[in-house]
PDB file of N, CA and C in Angstrom:
ATOM      1  N   MET A   1     -24.647  -5.325  -6.621  1.00  0.00           N
ATOM      2  CA  MET A   1     -22.986  -5.071  -7.226  1.00  0.00           C
ATOM      3  C   MET A   1     -22.519  -5.806  -8.684  1.00  0.00           C
ATOM      4  N   SER A   2     -22.153  -5.117  -8.730  1.00  0.00           N
ATOM      5  CA  SER A   2     -21.922  -5.601 -10.704  1.00  0.00           C
ATOM      6  C   SER A   2     -20.162  -4.962 -10.745  1.00  0.00           C
ATOM      7  N   GLY A   3     -19.917  -5.945 -11.178  1.00  0.00           N
ATOM      8  CA  GLY A   3     -18.714  -6.070 -11.797  1.00  0.00           C
ATOM      9  C   GLY A   3     -17.786  -6.468 -10.002  1.00  0.00           C
ATOM     10  N   THR A   4     -18.209  -7.200  -9.281  1.00  0.00           N
ATOM     11  CA  THR A   4     -17.249  -7.452  -8.584  1.00  0.00           C
ATOM     12  C   THR A   4     -17.166  -9.029  -8.067  1.00  0.00           C
ATOM     13  N   THR A   5     -16.234  -9.769  -7.299  1.00  0.00           N
ATOM     14  CA  THR A   5     -15.588 -10.836  -7.104  1.00  0.00           C
ATOM     15  C   THR A   5     -15.652 -11.107  -5.656  1.00  0.00           C
ATOM     16  N   LEU A   6     -16.450 -12.349  -5.589  1.00  0.00           N
ATOM     17  CA  LEU A   6     -16.511 -12.706  -4.372  1.00  0.00           C
ATOM     18  C   LEU A   6     -14.962 -13.828  -3.512  1.00  0.00           C
ATOM     19  N   ILE A   7     -14.381 -12.864  -2.312  1.00  0.00           N
ATOM     20  CA  ILE A   7     -13.007 -13.701  -2.316  1.00  0.00           C
ATOM     21  C   ILE A   7     -13.223 -13.969  -0.138  1.00  0.00           C
ATOM     22  N   SER A   8     -12.471 -15.024  -0.231  1.00  0.00           N
ATOM     23  CA  SER A   8     -12.819 -15.475   1.046  1.00  0.00           C
ATOM     24  C   SER A   8     -11.395 -15.007   1.900  1.00  0.00           C
ATOM     25  N   ALA A   9     -11.438 -14.407   2.787  1.00  0.00           N
ATOM     26  CA  ALA A   9      -9.341 -14.010   3.437  1.00  0.00           C
ATOM     27  C   ALA A   9      -9.643 -14.763   5.333  1.00  0.00           C
ATOM     28  N   ARG A  10      -8.580 -14.849   5.437  1.00  0.00           N
ATOM     29  CA  ARG A  10      -8.624 -15.741   6.983  1.00  0.00           C
ATOM     30  C   ARG A  10      -8.068 -14.570   7.864  1.00  0.00           C
ATOM     31  N   ILE A  11      -9.015 -14.013   8.679  1.00  0.00           N
ATOM     32  CA  ILE A  11      -7.971 -12.853   9.325  1.00  0.00           C
ATOM     33  C   ILE A  11      -7.233 -12.834  11.115  1.00  0.00           C
ATOM     34  N   HIS A  12      -6.749 -12.943  11.379  1.00  0.00           N
ATOM     35  CA  HIS A  12      -6.596 -12.813  12.968  1.00  0.00           C
ATOM     36  C   HIS A  12      -8.175 -12.048  13.788  1.00  0.00           C
ATOM     37  N   ALA A  13      -8.144 -12.736  14.958  1.00  0.00           N
ATOM     38  CA  ALA A  13      -9.177 -12.831  15.748  1.00  0.00           C
ATOM     39  C   ALA A  13      -9.568 -11.425  15.768  1.00  0.00           C
ATOM     40  N   GLU A  14      -8.234 -10.726  16.620  1.00  0.00           N
ATOM     41  CA  GLU A  14      -7.941  -9.415  16.984  1.00  0.00           C
ATOM     42  C   GLU A  14      -8.459  -8.224  15.803  1.00  0.00           C
ATOM     43  N   VAL A  15      -7.715  -8.383  14.329  1.00  0.00           N
ATOM     44  CA  VAL A  15      -7.939  -7.623  13.585  1.00  0.00           C
ATOM     45  C   VAL A  15      -9.785  -7.875  13.617  1.00  0.00           C
ATOM     46  N   ALA A  16     -10.487  -9.178  13.391  1.00  0.00           N
ATOM     47  CA  ALA A  16     -11.929  -9.003  13.003  1.00  0.00           C
ATOM     48  C   ALA A  16     -12.669  -8.442  14.251  1.00  0.00           C
ATOM     49  N   GLN A  17     -12.090  -8.419  14.830  1.00  0.00           N
ATOM     50  CA  GLN A  17     -12.804  -7.504  16.352  1.00  0.00           C
ATOM     51  C   GLN A  17     -13.021  -6.112  15.983  1.00  0.00           C
ATOM     52  N   ARG A  18     -11.633  -5.370  15.716  1.00  0.00           N
ATOM     53  CA  ARG A  18     -11.696  -4.236  15.524  1.00  0.00           C
ATOM     54  C   ARG A  18     -12.330  -3.713  14.411  1.00  0.00           C
ATOM     55  N   LEU A  19     -12.223  -4.699  13.143  1.00  0.00           N
ATOM     56  CA  LEU A  19     -12.651  -4.154  12.064  1.00  0.00           C
ATOM     57  C   LEU A  19     -14.736  -4.463  12.081  1.00  0.00           C
ATOM     58  N   GLY A  20     -14.890  -5.125  13.219  1.00  0.00           N
ATOM     59  CA  GLY A  20     -16.330  -5.047  13.516  1.00  0.00           C
ATOM     60  C   GLY A  20     -17.010  -4.187  14.039  1.00  0.00           C
ATOM     61  N   ALA A  21     -16.055  -3.782  15.175  1.00  0.00           N
ATOM     62  CA  ALA A  21     -16.115  -2.338  16.132  1.00  0.00           C
ATOM     63  C   ALA A  21     -16.892  -0.995  14.931  1.00  0.00           C
ATOM     64  N   LEU A  22     -15.492  -0.933  14.034  1.00  0.00           N
ATOM     65  CA  LEU A  22     -15.573   0.008  12.924  1.00  0.00           C
ATOM     66  C   LEU A  22     -16.640  -0.178  12.329  1.00  0.00           C
ATOM     67  N   THR A  23     -17.326  -1.055  11.844  1.00  0.00           N
ATOM     68  CA  THR A  23     -18.586  -1.384  11.254  1.00  0.00           C
ATOM     69  C   THR A  23     -19.810  -0.775  12.246  1.00  0.00           C
ATOM     70  N   ASN A  24     -19.478  -0.938  13.348  1.00  0.00           N
ATOM     71  CA  ASN A  24     -20.760  -0.029  14.096  1.00  0.00           C
ATOM     72  C   ASN A  24     -20.721   1.131  13.934  1.00  0.00           C
ATOM     73  N   GLU A  25     -19.502   1.779  14.155  1.00  0.00           N
ATOM     74  CA  GLU A  25     -18.870   3.422  13.999  1.00  0.00           C
ATOM     75  C   GLU A  25     -19.004   4.002  13.057  1.00  0.00           C
ATOM     76  N   THR A  26     -18.571   2.955  12.071  1.00  0.00           N
ATOM     77  CA  THR A  26     -19.761   4.243  10.180  1.00  0.00           C
ATOM     78  C   THR A  26     -20.454   3.663  10.052  1.00  0.00           C
ATOM     79  N   HIS A  27     -21.184   2.652  10.658  1.00  0.00           N
ATOM     80  CA  HIS A  27     -21.951   1.898  10.057  1.00  0.00           C
ATOM     81  C   HIS A  27     -22.546   1.655   8.497  1.00  0.00           C
ATOM     82  N   ARG A  28     -21.421   1.029   7.987  1.00  0.00           N
ATOM     83  CA  ARG A  28     -20.833   0.223   6.859  1.00  0.00           C
ATOM     84  C   ARG A  28     -20.678  -1.236   7.272  1.00  0.00           C
ATOM     85  N   SER A  29     -20.819  -2.586   6.379  1.00  0.00           N
ATOM     86  CA  SER A  29     -20.771  -3.358   6.247  1.00  0.00           C
ATOM     87  C   SER A  29     -19.117  -3.913   6.142  1.00  0.00           C
ATOM     88  N   LYS A  30     -18.692  -4.997   6.672  1.00  0.00           N
ATOM     89  CA  LYS A  30     -17.034  -5.417   6.523  1.00  0.00           C
ATOM     90  C   LYS A  30     -16.932  -5.788   5.652  1.00  0.00           C
ATOM     91  N   SER A  31     -17.913  -6.022   4.500  1.00  0.00           N
ATOM     92  CA  SER A  31     -17.445  -6.210   3.366  1.00  0.00           C
ATOM     93  C   SER A  31     -17.236  -4.869   2.421  1.00  0.00           C
ATOM     94  N   ASP A  32     -17.723  -3.317   3.229  1.00  0.00           N
ATOM     95  CA  ASP A  32     -17.581  -3.009   2.347  1.00  0.00           C
ATOM     96  C   ASP A  32     -15.813  -2.509   2.614  1.00  0.00           C
ATOM     97  N   LEU A  33     -15.764  -1.898   3.830  1.00  0.00           N
ATOM     98  CA  LEU A  33     -14.526  -1.710   4.615  1.00  0.00           C
ATOM     99  C   LEU A  33     -13.407  -2.824   3.738  1.00  0.00           C
ATOM    100  N   ALA A  34     -13.643  -3.947   4.125  1.00  0.00           N
ATOM    101  CA  ALA A  34     -12.773  -4.616   3.228  1.00  0.00           C
ATOM    102  C   ALA A  34     -12.133  -4.579   1.840  1.00  0.00           C
ATOM    103  N   ALA A  35     -13.758  -4.334   1.183  1.00  0.00           N
ATOM    104  CA  ALA A  35     -12.781  -3.790  -0.055  1.00  0.00           C
ATOM    105  C   ALA A  35     -12.225  -2.808  -0.332  1.00  0.00           C
ATOM    106  N   GLN A  36     -12.203  -1.703   0.463  1.00  0.00           N
ATOM    107  CA  GLN A  36     -12.074  -0.453   0.696  1.00  0.00           C
ATOM    108  C   GLN A  36     -10.328  -1.009   1.007  1.00  0.00           C
ATOM    109  N   ALA A  37     -10.058  -1.074   2.341  1.00  0.00           N
ATOM    110  CA  ALA A  37      -8.995  -1.334   2.176  1.00  0.00           C
ATOM    111  C   ALA A  37      -8.292  -2.029   1.342  1.00  0.00           C
ATOM    112  N   ILE A  38      -8.737  -3.381   0.604  1.00  0.00           N
ATOM    113  CA  ILE A  38      -7.770  -4.031  -0.471  1.00  0.00           C
ATOM    114  C   ILE A  38      -7.723  -3.448  -1.437  1.00  0.00           C
ATOM    115  N   GLU A  39      -8.841  -2.440  -1.587  1.00  0.00           N
ATOM    116  CA  GLU A  39      -8.076  -1.423  -3.373  1.00  0.00           C
ATOM    117  C   GLU A  39      -7.069  -0.718  -2.530  1.00  0.00           C
ATOM    118  N   ALA A  40      -7.235  -0.009  -1.193  1.00  0.00           N
ATOM    119  CA  ALA A  40      -6.204   1.222  -1.098  1.00  0.00           C
ATOM    120  C   ALA A  40      -4.858   0.052  -0.931  1.00  0.00           C
ATOM    121  N   PHE A  41      -4.859  -0.927  -0.207  1.00  0.00           N
ATOM    122  CA  PHE A  41      -3.530  -1.802  -0.300  1.00  0.00           C
ATOM    123  C   PHE A  41      -3.365  -1.995  -2.082  1.00  0.00           C
ATOM    124  N   VAL A  42      -3.672  -2.449  -2.343  1.00  0.00           N
ATOM    125  CA  VAL A  42      -3.314  -2.767  -3.803  1.00  0.00           C
ATOM    126  C   VAL A  42      -3.244  -1.824  -4.836  1.00  0.00           C
ATOM    127  N   ASP A  43      -3.516  -0.388  -4.432  1.00  0.00           N
ATOM    128  CA  ASP A  43      -3.122   0.606  -5.353  1.00  0.00           C
ATOM    129  C   ASP A  43      -1.803   1.424  -4.807  1.00  0.00           C
ATOM    130  N   PHE A  44      -1.286   1.036  -3.180  1.00  0.00           N
ATOM    131  CA  PHE A  44      -0.636   1.383  -2.732  1.00  0.00           C
ATOM    132  C   PHE A  44       0.820   0.479  -3.086  1.00  0.00           C
ATOM    133  N   GLN A  45       0.874  -0.951  -3.371  1.00  0.00           N
ATOM    134  CA  GLN A  45       1.480  -2.098  -3.349  1.00  0.00           C
ATOM    135  C   GLN A  45       1.926  -1.777  -5.226  1.00  0.00           C
ATOM    136  N   GLU A  46       0.971  -1.849  -6.086  1.00  0.00           N
ATOM    137  CA  GLU A  46       0.949  -0.910  -7.896  1.00  0.00           C
ATOM    138  C   GLU A  46       1.935  -0.089  -7.409  1.00  0.00           C
ATOM    139  N   VAL A  47       1.864   0.964  -7.047  1.00  0.00           N
ATOM    140  CA  VAL A  47       2.627   2.372  -6.797  1.00  0.00           C
ATOM    141  C   VAL A  47       4.309   1.870  -6.817  1.00  0.00           C
ATOM    142  N   GLN A  48       4.575   0.908  -5.685  1.00  0.00           N
ATOM    143  CA  GLN A  48       6.071   0.291  -5.419  1.00  0.00           C
ATOM    144  C   GLN A  48       6.699  -0.405  -6.101  1.00  0.00           C
ATOM    145  N   VAL A  49       5.603  -0.835  -6.680  1.00  0.00           N
ATOM    146  CA  VAL A  49       6.433  -1.798  -7.720  1.00  0.00           C
ATOM    147  C   VAL A  49       6.768  -1.178  -8.773  1.00  0.00           C
ATOM    148  N   THR A  50       6.204  -0.832  -9.180  1.00  0.00           N
ATOM    149  CA  THR A  50       6.578   0.289 -10.264  1.00  0.00           C
ATOM    150  C   THR A  50       7.610   1.036  -9.663  1.00  0.00           C
ATOM    151  N   ALA A  51       7.679   1.528  -8.985  1.00  0.00           N
ATOM    152  CA  ALA A  51       8.666   2.696  -8.107  1.00  0.00           C
ATOM    153  C   ALA A  51      10.539   1.748  -8.408  1.00  0.00           C
ATOM    154  N   ILE A  52      10.321   0.489  -7.747  1.00  0.00           N
ATOM    155  CA  ILE A  52      10.971   0.004  -7.599  1.00  0.00           C
ATOM    156  C   ILE A  52      11.969  -1.405  -9.151  1.00  0.00           C
ATOM    157  N   LYS A  53      10.671  -1.165  -9.982  1.00  0.00           N
ATOM    158  CA  LYS A  53      11.255  -1.247 -10.793  1.00  0.00           C
ATOM    159  C   LYS A  53      11.846  -0.291 -12.017  1.00  0.00           C
ATOM    160  N   GLU A  54      10.826   0.607 -12.077  1.00  0.00           N
ATOM    161  CA  GLU A  54      12.008   2.168 -12.765  1.00  0.00           C
ATOM    162  C   GLU A  54      13.633   1.990 -12.135  1.00  0.00           C
ATOM    163  N   GLY A  55      13.497   2.088 -10.175  1.00  0.00           N
ATOM    164  CA  GLY A  55      15.060   1.941  -9.969  1.00  0.00           C
ATOM    165  C   GLY A  55      16.071   1.087 -10.989  1.00  0.00           C
ATOM    166  N   MET A  56      15.330  -0.243 -10.503  1.00  0.00           N
ATOM    167  CA  MET A  56      15.954  -1.296 -11.109  1.00  0.00           C
ATOM    168  C   MET A  56      16.688  -1.157 -12.376  1.00  0.00           C
ATOM    169  N   ALA A  57      15.945  -0.604 -13.198  1.00  0.00           N
ATOM    170  CA  ALA A  57      15.808  -0.550 -14.449  1.00  0.00           C
ATOM    171  C   ALA A  57      17.025   0.828 -14.415  1.00  0.00           C
ATOM    172  N   ALA A  58      17.292   1.916 -13.956  1.00  0.00           N
ATOM    173  CA  ALA A  58      17.630   2.988 -13.595  1.00  0.00           C
ATOM    174  C   ALA A  58      19.135   2.627 -13.605  1.00  0.00           C
ATOM    175  N   ALA A  59      19.296   1.838 -12.252  1.00  0.00           N
ATOM    176  CA  ALA A  59      21.141   1.299 -12.156  1.00  0.00           C
ATOM    177  C   ALA A  59      21.458   0.737 -12.984  1.00  0.00           C
ATOM    178  N   GLU A  60      20.510   0.061 -13.991  1.00  0.00           N
ATOM    179  CA  GLU A  60      21.161  -1.281 -14.936  1.00  0.00           C
ATOM    180  C   GLU A  60      21.490  -0.316 -16.153  1.00  0.00           C
ATOM    181  N   ARG A  61      21.304   1.156 -16.269  1.00  0.00           N
ATOM    182  CA  ARG A  61      21.652   1.750 -17.387  1.00  0.00           C
ATOM    183  C   ARG A  61      22.461   2.517 -16.806  1.00  0.00           C
ATOM    184  N   GLY A  62      22.885   2.278 -15.344  1.00  0.00           N
ATOM    185  CA  GLY A  62      24.245   3.641 -14.737  1.00  0.00           C
ATOM    186  C   GLY A  62      23.774   4.388 -14.210  1.00  0.00           C
ATOM    187  N   GLU A  63      22.749   4.888 -13.944  1.00  0.00           N
ATOM    188  CA  GLU A  63      21.927   5.729 -13.505  1.00  0.00           C
ATOM    189  C   GLU A  63      21.902   5.745 -11.874  1.00  0.00           C
ATOM    190  N   VAL A  64      23.008   5.786 -11.375  1.00  0.00           N
ATOM    191  CA  VAL A  64      22.856   5.786  -9.419  1.00  0.00           C
ATOM    192  C   VAL A  64      23.457   6.934  -8.927  1.00  0.00           C
ATOM    193  N   LYS A  65      23.002   7.233  -7.598  1.00  0.00           N
ATOM    194  CA  LYS A  65      23.329   8.456  -7.246  1.00  0.00           C
ATOM    195  C   LYS A  65      24.228   8.021  -5.941  1.00  0.00           C
ATOM    196  N   SER A  66      25.471   8.811  -5.503  1.00  0.00           N
ATOM    197  CA  SER A  66      26.560   8.013  -4.743  1.00  0.00           C
ATOM    198  C   SER A  66      25.605   8.216  -3.451  1.00  0.00           C
ATOM    199  N   HIS A  67      26.060   7.793  -2.350  1.00  0.00           N
ATOM    200  CA  HIS A  67      25.444   8.069  -0.980  1.00  0.00           C
ATOM    201  C   HIS A  67      25.780   9.516  -0.652  1.00  0.00           C
ATOM    202  N   ALA A  68      26.445  10.269  -0.750  1.00  0.00           N
ATOM    203  CA  ALA A  68      26.549  11.806  -0.132  1.00  0.00           C
ATOM    204  C   ALA A  68      25.103  12.053  -1.374  1.00  0.00           C
ATOM    205  N   GLU A  69      25.017  11.956  -2.337  1.00  0.00           N
ATOM    206  CA  GLU A  69      23.747  12.359  -3.180  1.00  0.00           C
ATOM    207  C   GLU A  69      22.460  12.068  -3.123  1.00  0.00           C
ATOM    208  N   ALA A  70      22.571  10.741  -2.600  1.00  0.00           N
ATOM    209  CA  ALA A  70      21.843  10.408  -2.338  1.00  0.00           C
ATOM    210  C   ALA A  70      20.943  11.197  -0.701  1.00  0.00           C
ATOM    211  N   LEU A  71      21.832  11.520   0.037  1.00  0.00           N
ATOM    212  CA  LEU A  71      21.760  12.032   1.990  1.00  0.00           C
ATOM    213  C   LEU A  71      21.137  13.440   0.791  1.00  0.00           C
ATOM    214  N   VAL A  72      21.391  14.113   0.735  1.00  0.00           N
ATOM    215  CA  VAL A  72      21.425  15.453  -0.293  1.00  0.00           C
ATOM    216  C   VAL A  72      19.747  15.473  -0.389  1.00  0.00           C
ATOM    217  N   ILE A  73      19.333  14.409  -1.213  1.00  0.00           N
ATOM    218  CA  ILE A  73      18.215  14.060  -1.528  1.00  0.00           C
ATOM    219  C   ILE A  73      16.941  14.045  -0.286  1.00  0.00           C
ATOM    220  N   LEU A  74      17.117  12.754   0.307  1.00  0.00           N
ATOM    221  CA  LEU A  74      16.583  12.759   1.300  1.00  0.00           C
ATOM    222  C   LEU A  74      16.592  13.644   2.074  1.00  0.00           C
ATOM    223  N   ASN A  75      17.759  14.312   2.795  1.00  0.00           N
ATOM    224  CA  ASN A  75      17.165  15.125   3.319  1.00  0.00           C
ATOM    225  C   ASN A  75      16.464  16.758   3.276  1.00  0.00           C
ATOM    226  N   ALA A  76      16.621  16.551   1.969  1.00  0.00           N
ATOM    227  CA  ALA A  76      15.426  17.648   0.982  1.00  0.00           C
ATOM    228  C   ALA A  76      14.398  17.285   1.605  1.00  0.00           C
ATOM    229  N   TRP A  77      13.889  16.422   1.175  1.00  0.00           N
ATOM    230  CA  TRP A  77      12.566  15.608   1.725  1.00  0.00           C
ATOM    231  C   TRP A  77      12.147  15.123   2.886  1.00  0.00           C
ATOM    232  N   GLY A  78      13.464  15.317   4.571  1.00  0.00           N
ATOM    233  CA  GLY A  78      13.598  15.547   5.692  1.00  0.00           C
ATOM    234  C   GLY A  78      13.431  14.069   6.011  1.00  0.00           C
ATOM    235  N   LYS A  79      13.951  13.528   5.235  1.00  0.00           N
ATOM    236  CA  LYS A  79      14.357  11.909   5.547  1.00  0.00           C
ATOM    237  C   LYS A  79      15.837  11.116   6.376  1.00  0.00           C
ATOM    238  N   GLY A  80      16.357  12.380   5.778  1.00  0.00           N
ATOM    239  CA  GLY A  80      17.832  11.781   5.911  1.00  0.00           C
ATOM    240  C   GLY A  80      18.308  11.349   7.847  1.00  0.00           C
TER     241      GLY A  80
END
């Protein structure tokens, strides 16, 4: 593979067993599955960090919602 970097990580034995079972079921290597999982994790974390930074900047500008306004938004999302 071009453009890749080798890394090493310690994982819990139970996770290693689950990964091994998954490799058998999917016919993919541990390396492929681990790389896919790390990429998904990094993608998700980047979105989260960006959202937090945007929220903090909005709060510093005084752009905040009251508790009641926040509940209306959350209820619209089905999370209230």
